[in-house]
Amino acid sequence: MFALIAIVAISAVLVIIDWPQMSKRGDKREFAVYFTLLCLGIGLTVSKIWSVQVPNPLDWMAVAYKPLSKLLFGLF
């Protein structure tokens, strides 16, 4: 539980530090991307802390290309 609170607190500090600089420059899109990636990182970190099985992106590629692989290796 301490790790979860620490991750959220550190993320909040990062947003507090970066918000004035980005709002001063008027980078709304940059802040939206920054905030989205930060939330994605927090979500993955929390899932790692709670030992949730997160699928690997390469697993999806293996599923997609497996029929093609079987076809090509079947020809030779």
PDB file of N, CA and C in Angstrom:
ATOM      1  N   MET A   1       0.825  -1.193   0.000  1.00  0.00           N
ATOM      2  CA  MET A   1       0.000   0.000   0.000  1.00  0.00           C
ATOM      3  C   MET A   1       0.869   1.256   0.000  1.00  0.00           C
ATOM      4  N   PHE A   2       2.015   1.168   0.694  1.00  0.00           N
ATOM      5  CA  PHE A   2       2.918   2.317   0.729  1.00  0.00           C
ATOM      6  C   PHE A   2       3.460   2.629  -0.663  1.00  0.00           C
ATOM      7  N   ALA A   3       3.757   1.582  -1.439  1.00  0.00           N
ATOM      8  CA  ALA A   3       4.295   1.797  -2.789  1.00  0.00           C
ATOM      9  C   ALA A   3       3.271   2.505  -3.669  1.00  0.00           C
ATOM     10  N   LEU A   4       2.017   2.142  -3.546  1.00  0.00           N
ATOM     11  CA  LEU A   4       0.960   2.777  -4.326  1.00  0.00           C
ATOM     12  C   LEU A   4       0.837   4.262  -3.969  1.00  0.00           C
ATOM     13  N   ILE A   5       0.841   4.556  -2.693  1.00  0.00           N
ATOM     14  CA  ILE A   5       0.747   5.952  -2.250  1.00  0.00           C
ATOM     15  C   ILE A   5       1.977   6.739  -2.708  1.00  0.00           C
ATOM     16  N   ALA A   6       3.144   6.118  -2.666  1.00  0.00           N
ATOM     17  CA  ALA A   6       4.373   6.790  -3.093  1.00  0.00           C
ATOM     18  C   ALA A   6       4.338   7.099  -4.586  1.00  0.00           C
ATOM     19  N   ILE A   7       3.877   6.169  -5.394  1.00  0.00           N
ATOM     20  CA  ILE A   7       3.798   6.382  -6.847  1.00  0.00           C
ATOM     21  C   ILE A   7       2.832   7.514  -7.170  1.00  0.00           C
ATOM     22  N   VAL A   8       1.681   7.511  -6.544  1.00  0.00           N
ATOM     23  CA  VAL A   8       0.699   8.570  -6.797  1.00  0.00           C
ATOM     24  C   VAL A   8       1.226   9.922  -6.313  1.00  0.00           C
ATOM     25  N   ALA A   9       1.893   9.941  -5.170  1.00  0.00           N
ATOM     26  CA  ALA A   9       2.440  11.195  -4.636  1.00  0.00           C
ATOM     27  C   ALA A   9       3.546  11.743  -5.538  1.00  0.00           C
ATOM     28  N   ILE A  10       4.428  10.891  -5.997  1.00  0.00           N
ATOM     29  CA  ILE A  10       5.503  11.326  -6.897  1.00  0.00           C
ATOM     30  C   ILE A  10       4.925  11.843  -8.205  1.00  0.00           C
ATOM     31  N   SER A  11       3.908  11.174  -8.718  1.00  0.00           N
ATOM     32  CA  SER A  11       3.266  11.619  -9.956  1.00  0.00           C
ATOM     33  C   SER A  11       2.592  12.971  -9.761  1.00  0.00           C
ATOM     34  N   ALA A  12       1.966  13.161  -8.620  1.00  0.00           N
ATOM     35  CA  ALA A  12       1.326  14.450  -8.335  1.00  0.00           C
ATOM     36  C   ALA A  12       2.362  15.560  -8.253  1.00  0.00           C
ATOM     37  N   VAL A  13       3.498  15.277  -7.654  1.00  0.00           N
ATOM     38  CA  VAL A  13       4.569  16.276  -7.567  1.00  0.00           C
ATOM     39  C   VAL A  13       5.076  16.619  -8.973  1.00  0.00           C
ATOM     40  N   LEU A  14       5.214  15.614  -9.829  1.00  0.00           N
ATOM     41  CA  LEU A  14       5.647  15.869 -11.201  1.00  0.00           C
ATOM     42  C   LEU A  14       4.661  16.768 -11.945  1.00  0.00           C
ATOM     43  N   VAL A  15       3.386  16.512 -11.771  1.00  0.00           N
ATOM     44  CA  VAL A  15       2.370  17.349 -12.431  1.00  0.00           C
ATOM     45  C   VAL A  15       2.407  18.764 -11.870  1.00  0.00           C
ATOM     46  N   ILE A  16       2.556  18.896 -10.571  1.00  0.00           N
ATOM     47  CA  ILE A  16       2.609  20.229  -9.955  1.00  0.00           C
ATOM     48  C   ILE A  16       3.819  21.014 -10.451  1.00  0.00           C
ATOM     49  N   ILE A  17       4.939  20.326 -10.651  1.00  0.00           N
ATOM     50  CA  ILE A  17       6.139  20.996 -11.147  1.00  0.00           C
ATOM     51  C   ILE A  17       5.987  21.402 -12.613  1.00  0.00           C
ATOM     52  N   ASP A  18       5.417  20.528 -13.429  1.00  0.00           N
ATOM     53  CA  ASP A  18       5.349  20.771 -14.874  1.00  0.00           C
ATOM     54  C   ASP A  18       4.167  21.625 -15.302  1.00  0.00           C
ATOM     55  N   TRP A  19       3.111  21.662 -14.532  1.00  0.00           N
ATOM     56  CA  TRP A  19       1.898  22.394 -14.920  1.00  0.00           C
ATOM     57  C   TRP A  19       2.159  23.880 -15.186  1.00  0.00           C
ATOM     58  N   PRO A  20       2.826  24.617 -14.276  1.00  0.00           N
ATOM     59  CA  PRO A  20       3.013  26.058 -14.530  1.00  0.00           C
ATOM     60  C   PRO A  20       3.836  26.342 -15.787  1.00  0.00           C
ATOM     61  N   GLN A  21       4.848  25.547 -16.040  1.00  0.00           N
ATOM     62  CA  GLN A  21       5.669  25.766 -17.222  1.00  0.00           C
ATOM     63  C   GLN A  21       4.880  25.540 -18.502  1.00  0.00           C
ATOM     64  N   MET A  22       4.097  24.484 -18.534  1.00  0.00           N
ATOM     65  CA  MET A  22       3.324  24.176 -19.738  1.00  0.00           C
ATOM     66  C   MET A  22       2.160  25.140 -19.929  1.00  0.00           C
ATOM     67  N   SER A  23       1.531  25.559 -18.843  1.00  0.00           N
ATOM     68  CA  SER A  23       0.414  26.496 -18.981  1.00  0.00           C
ATOM     69  C   SER A  23       0.906  27.892 -19.364  1.00  0.00           C
ATOM     70  N   LYS A  24       2.106  28.241 -18.929  1.00  0.00           N
ATOM     71  CA  LYS A  24       2.680  29.536 -19.278  1.00  0.00           C
ATOM     72  C   LYS A  24       2.972  29.619 -20.780  1.00  0.00           C
ATOM     73  N   ARG A  25       3.423  28.495 -21.357  1.00  0.00           N
ATOM     74  CA  ARG A  25       3.720  28.451 -22.789  1.00  0.00           C
ATOM     75  C   ARG A  25       2.479  28.179 -23.629  1.00  0.00           C
ATOM     76  N   GLY A  26       1.407  27.739 -23.011  1.00  0.00           N
ATOM     77  CA  GLY A  26       0.176  27.450 -23.729  1.00  0.00           C
ATOM     78  C   GLY A  26       0.205  26.120 -24.463  1.00  0.00           C
ATOM     79  N   ASP A  27       0.960  25.163 -23.952  1.00  0.00           N
ATOM     80  CA  ASP A  27       1.077  23.849 -24.583  1.00  0.00           C
ATOM     81  C   ASP A  27      -0.003  22.899 -24.070  1.00  0.00           C
ATOM     82  N   LYS A  28      -1.224  23.107 -24.516  1.00  0.00           N
ATOM     83  CA  LYS A  28      -2.318  22.255 -24.038  1.00  0.00           C
ATOM     84  C   LYS A  28      -2.212  20.846 -24.600  1.00  0.00           C
ATOM     85  N   ARG A  29      -1.844  20.734 -25.876  1.00  0.00           N
ATOM     86  CA  ARG A  29      -1.719  19.405 -26.471  1.00  0.00           C
ATOM     87  C   ARG A  29      -0.548  18.636 -25.865  1.00  0.00           C
ATOM     88  N   GLU A  30       0.542  19.332 -25.642  1.00  0.00           N
ATOM     89  CA  GLU A  30       1.707  18.683 -25.036  1.00  0.00           C
ATOM     90  C   GLU A  30       1.371  18.204 -23.624  1.00  0.00           C
ATOM     91  N   PHE A  31       0.636  19.007 -22.877  1.00  0.00           N
ATOM     92  CA  PHE A  31       0.253  18.588 -21.534  1.00  0.00           C
ATOM     93  C   PHE A  31      -0.722  17.415 -21.582  1.00  0.00           C
ATOM     94  N   ALA A  32      -1.600  17.398 -22.576  1.00  0.00           N
ATOM     95  CA  ALA A  32      -2.533  16.270 -22.706  1.00  0.00           C
ATOM     96  C   ALA A  32      -1.776  14.974 -22.979  1.00  0.00           C
ATOM     97  N   VAL A  33      -0.786  15.039 -23.845  1.00  0.00           N
ATOM     98  CA  VAL A  33       0.027  13.847 -24.124  1.00  0.00           C
ATOM     99  C   VAL A  33       0.824  13.457 -22.882  1.00  0.00           C
ATOM    100  N   TYR A  34       1.404  14.441 -22.225  1.00  0.00           N
ATOM    101  CA  TYR A  34       2.177  14.199 -21.001  1.00  0.00           C
ATOM    102  C   TYR A  34       1.302  13.532 -19.935  1.00  0.00           C
ATOM    103  N   PHE A  35       0.116  14.077 -19.727  1.00  0.00           N
ATOM    104  CA  PHE A  35      -0.785  13.545 -18.707  1.00  0.00           C
ATOM    105  C   PHE A  35      -1.259  12.138 -19.076  1.00  0.00           C
ATOM    106  N   THR A  36      -1.536  11.901 -20.358  1.00  0.00           N
ATOM    107  CA  THR A  36      -1.969  10.576 -20.808  1.00  0.00           C
ATOM    108  C   THR A  36      -0.877   9.536 -20.578  1.00  0.00           C
ATOM    109  N   LEU A  37       0.354   9.861 -20.974  1.00  0.00           N
ATOM    110  CA  LEU A  37       1.458   8.924 -20.774  1.00  0.00           C
ATOM    111  C   LEU A  37       1.758   8.722 -19.294  1.00  0.00           C
ATOM    112  N   LEU A  38       1.619   9.777 -18.498  1.00  0.00           N
ATOM    113  CA  LEU A  38       1.826   9.641 -17.055  1.00  0.00           C
ATOM    114  C   LEU A  38       0.779   8.705 -16.450  1.00  0.00           C
ATOM    115  N   CYS A  39      -0.472   8.860 -16.847  1.00  0.00           N
ATOM    116  CA  CYS A  39      -1.538   7.980 -16.335  1.00  0.00           C
ATOM    117  C   CYS A  39      -1.325   6.537 -16.786  1.00  0.00           C
ATOM    118  N   LEU A  40      -0.878   6.351 -18.023  1.00  0.00           N
ATOM    119  CA  LEU A  40      -0.579   5.008 -18.512  1.00  0.00           C
ATOM    120  C   LEU A  40       0.553   4.388 -17.692  1.00  0.00           C
ATOM    121  N   GLY A  41       1.579   5.166 -17.417  1.00  0.00           N
ATOM    122  CA  GLY A  41       2.686   4.677 -16.603  1.00  0.00           C
ATOM    123  C   GLY A  41       2.264   4.352 -15.186  1.00  0.00           C
ATOM    124  N   ILE A  42       1.406   5.197 -14.610  1.00  0.00           N
ATOM    125  CA  ILE A  42       0.907   4.928 -13.261  1.00  0.00           C
ATOM    126  C   ILE A  42       0.092   3.638 -13.259  1.00  0.00           C
ATOM    127  N   GLY A  43      -0.751   3.470 -14.266  1.00  0.00           N
ATOM    128  CA  GLY A  43      -1.564   2.252 -14.340  1.00  0.00           C
ATOM    129  C   GLY A  43      -0.720   0.993 -14.469  1.00  0.00           C
ATOM    130  N   LEU A  44       0.308   1.042 -15.305  1.00  0.00           N
ATOM    131  CA  LEU A  44       1.183  -0.128 -15.445  1.00  0.00           C
ATOM    132  C   LEU A  44       1.983  -0.393 -14.174  1.00  0.00           C
ATOM    133  N   THR A  45       2.403   0.666 -13.507  1.00  0.00           N
ATOM    134  CA  THR A  45       3.151   0.492 -12.260  1.00  0.00           C
ATOM    135  C   THR A  45       2.267  -0.085 -11.158  1.00  0.00           C
ATOM    136  N   VAL A  46       1.044   0.398 -11.079  1.00  0.00           N
ATOM    137  CA  VAL A  46       0.108  -0.135 -10.078  1.00  0.00           C
ATOM    138  C   VAL A  46      -0.196  -1.600 -10.368  1.00  0.00           C
ATOM    139  N   SER A  47      -0.369  -1.949 -11.645  1.00  0.00           N
ATOM    140  CA  SER A  47      -0.618  -3.352 -11.970  1.00  0.00           C
ATOM    141  C   SER A  47       0.591  -4.220 -11.636  1.00  0.00           C
ATOM    142  N   LYS A  48       1.785  -3.676 -11.782  1.00  0.00           N
ATOM    143  CA  LYS A  48       2.998  -4.410 -11.402  1.00  0.00           C
ATOM    144  C   LYS A  48       3.054  -4.580  -9.886  1.00  0.00           C
ATOM    145  N   ILE A  49       2.687  -3.553  -9.142  1.00  0.00           N
ATOM    146  CA  ILE A  49       2.694  -3.638  -7.674  1.00  0.00           C
ATOM    147  C   ILE A  49       1.687  -4.684  -7.200  1.00  0.00           C
ATOM    148  N   TRP A  50       0.513  -4.720  -7.821  1.00  0.00           N
ATOM    149  CA  TRP A  50      -0.539  -5.658  -7.418  1.00  0.00           C
ATOM    150  C   TRP A  50      -0.404  -7.015  -8.090  1.00  0.00           C
ATOM    151  N   SER A  51       0.673  -7.246  -8.832  1.00  0.00           N
ATOM    152  CA  SER A  51       0.972  -8.522  -9.507  1.00  0.00           C
ATOM    153  C   SER A  51      -0.128  -8.931 -10.482  1.00  0.00           C
ATOM    154  N   VAL A  52      -0.623  -7.974 -11.238  1.00  0.00           N
ATOM    155  CA  VAL A  52      -1.623  -8.258 -12.263  1.00  0.00           C
ATOM    156  C   VAL A  52      -0.887  -8.648 -13.539  1.00  0.00           C
ATOM    157  N   GLN A  53      -1.358  -9.692 -14.193  1.00  0.00           N
ATOM    158  CA  GLN A  53      -0.736 -10.144 -15.431  1.00  0.00           C
ATOM    159  C   GLN A  53      -1.126  -9.195 -16.562  1.00  0.00           C
ATOM    160  N   VAL A  54      -0.147  -8.487 -17.113  1.00  0.00           N
ATOM    161  CA  VAL A  54      -0.371  -7.561 -18.221  1.00  0.00           C
ATOM    162  C   VAL A  54       0.146  -8.225 -19.484  1.00  0.00           C
ATOM    163  N   PRO A  55      -0.680  -8.330 -20.530  1.00  0.00           N
ATOM    164  CA  PRO A  55      -0.213  -9.007 -21.741  1.00  0.00           C
ATOM    165  C   PRO A  55       0.899  -8.222 -22.438  1.00  0.00           C
ATOM    166  N   ASN A  56       1.820  -8.960 -22.985  1.00  0.00           N
ATOM    167  CA  ASN A  56       2.933  -8.391 -23.721  1.00  0.00           C
ATOM    168  C   ASN A  56       2.457  -8.024 -25.131  1.00  0.00           C
ATOM    169  N   PRO A  57       2.837  -6.870 -25.666  1.00  0.00           N
ATOM    170  CA  PRO A  57       2.419  -6.518 -27.028  1.00  0.00           C
ATOM    171  C   PRO A  57       2.902  -7.509 -28.077  1.00  0.00           C
ATOM    172  N   LEU A  58       3.996  -8.180 -27.833  1.00  0.00           N
ATOM    173  CA  LEU A  58       4.485  -9.165 -28.795  1.00  0.00           C
ATOM    174  C   LEU A  58       3.587 -10.396 -28.862  1.00  0.00           C
ATOM    175  N   ASP A  59       2.835 -10.669 -27.811  1.00  0.00           N
ATOM    176  CA  ASP A  59       1.894 -11.789 -27.838  1.00  0.00           C
ATOM    177  C   ASP A  59       0.834 -11.579 -28.914  1.00  0.00           C
ATOM    178  N   TRP A  60       0.364 -10.344 -29.066  1.00  0.00           N
ATOM    179  CA  TRP A  60      -0.645 -10.042 -30.088  1.00  0.00           C
ATOM    180  C   TRP A  60      -0.066 -10.234 -31.486  1.00  0.00           C
ATOM    181  N   MET A  61       1.190  -9.847 -31.654  1.00  0.00           N
ATOM    182  CA  MET A  61       1.821 -10.026 -32.962  1.00  0.00           C
ATOM    183  C   MET A  61       1.999 -11.510 -33.280  1.00  0.00           C
ATOM    184  N   ALA A  62       2.335 -12.301 -32.278  1.00  0.00           N
ATOM    185  CA  ALA A  62       2.494 -13.742 -32.485  1.00  0.00           C
ATOM    186  C   ALA A  62       1.173 -14.379 -32.894  1.00  0.00           C
ATOM    187  N   VAL A  63       0.095 -13.949 -32.278  1.00  0.00           N
ATOM    188  CA  VAL A  63      -1.226 -14.480 -32.635  1.00  0.00           C
ATOM    189  C   VAL A  63      -1.589 -14.085 -34.065  1.00  0.00           C
ATOM    190  N   ALA A  64      -1.256 -12.867 -34.442  1.00  0.00           N
ATOM    191  CA  ALA A  64      -1.608 -12.381 -35.780  1.00  0.00           C
ATOM    192  C   ALA A  64      -0.809 -13.084 -36.868  1.00  0.00           C
ATOM    193  N   TYR A  65       0.474 -13.348 -36.618  1.00  0.00           N
ATOM    194  CA  TYR A  65       1.332 -13.908 -37.661  1.00  0.00           C
ATOM    195  C   TYR A  65       1.466 -15.423 -37.625  1.00  0.00           C
ATOM    196  N   LYS A  66       0.889 -16.081 -36.647  1.00  0.00           N
ATOM    197  CA  LYS A  66       1.010 -17.540 -36.547  1.00  0.00           C
ATOM    198  C   LYS A  66       0.417 -18.264 -37.752  1.00  0.00           C
ATOM    199  N   PRO A  67      -0.782 -17.908 -38.242  1.00  0.00           N
ATOM    200  CA  PRO A  67      -1.290 -18.607 -39.427  1.00  0.00           C
ATOM    201  C   PRO A  67      -0.392 -18.415 -40.661  1.00  0.00           C
ATOM    202  N   LEU A  68       0.140 -17.228 -40.833  1.00  0.00           N
ATOM    203  CA  LEU A  68       1.041 -16.971 -41.955  1.00  0.00           C
ATOM    204  C   LEU A  68       2.322 -17.783 -41.801  1.00  0.00           C
ATOM    205  N   SER A  69       2.822 -17.898 -40.606  1.00  0.00           N
ATOM    206  CA  SER A  69       4.023 -18.676 -40.346  1.00  0.00           C
ATOM    207  C   SER A  69       3.788 -20.149 -40.647  1.00  0.00           C
ATOM    208  N   LYS A  70       2.653 -20.678 -40.226  1.00  0.00           N
ATOM    209  CA  LYS A  70       2.337 -22.079 -40.507  1.00  0.00           C
ATOM    210  C   LYS A  70       2.226 -22.320 -42.010  1.00  0.00           C
ATOM    211  N   LEU A  71       1.628 -21.381 -42.705  1.00  0.00           N
ATOM    212  CA  LEU A  71       1.492 -21.506 -44.163  1.00  0.00           C
ATOM    213  C   LEU A  71       2.853 -21.505 -44.842  1.00  0.00           C
ATOM    214  N   LEU A  72       3.716 -20.591 -44.475  1.00  0.00           N
ATOM    215  CA  LEU A  72       5.018 -20.493 -45.107  1.00  0.00           C
ATOM    216  C   LEU A  72       5.914 -21.694 -44.778  1.00  0.00           C
ATOM    217  N   PHE A  73       5.907 -22.144 -43.528  1.00  0.00           N
ATOM    218  CA  PHE A  73       6.729 -23.306 -43.174  1.00  0.00           C
ATOM    219  C   PHE A  73       6.119 -24.598 -43.722  1.00  0.00           C
ATOM    220  N   GLY A  74       4.841 -24.603 -43.997  1.00  0.00           N
ATOM    221  CA  GLY A  74       4.212 -25.777 -44.595  1.00  0.00           C
ATOM    222  C   GLY A  74       4.590 -25.963 -46.065  1.00  0.00           C
ATOM    223  N   LEU A  75       4.925 -24.851 -46.721  1.00  0.00           N
ATOM    224  CA  LEU A  75       5.315 -24.915 -48.132  1.00  0.00           C
ATOM    225  C   LEU A  75       6.715 -25.493 -48.327  1.00  0.00           C
ATOM    226  N   PHE A  76       7.560 -25.334 -47.346  1.00  0.00           N
ATOM    227  CA  PHE A  76       8.948 -25.800 -47.485  1.00  0.00           C
ATOM    228  C   PHE A  76       9.104 -27.056 -46.701  1.00  0.00           C
TER     229      PHE A  76
END
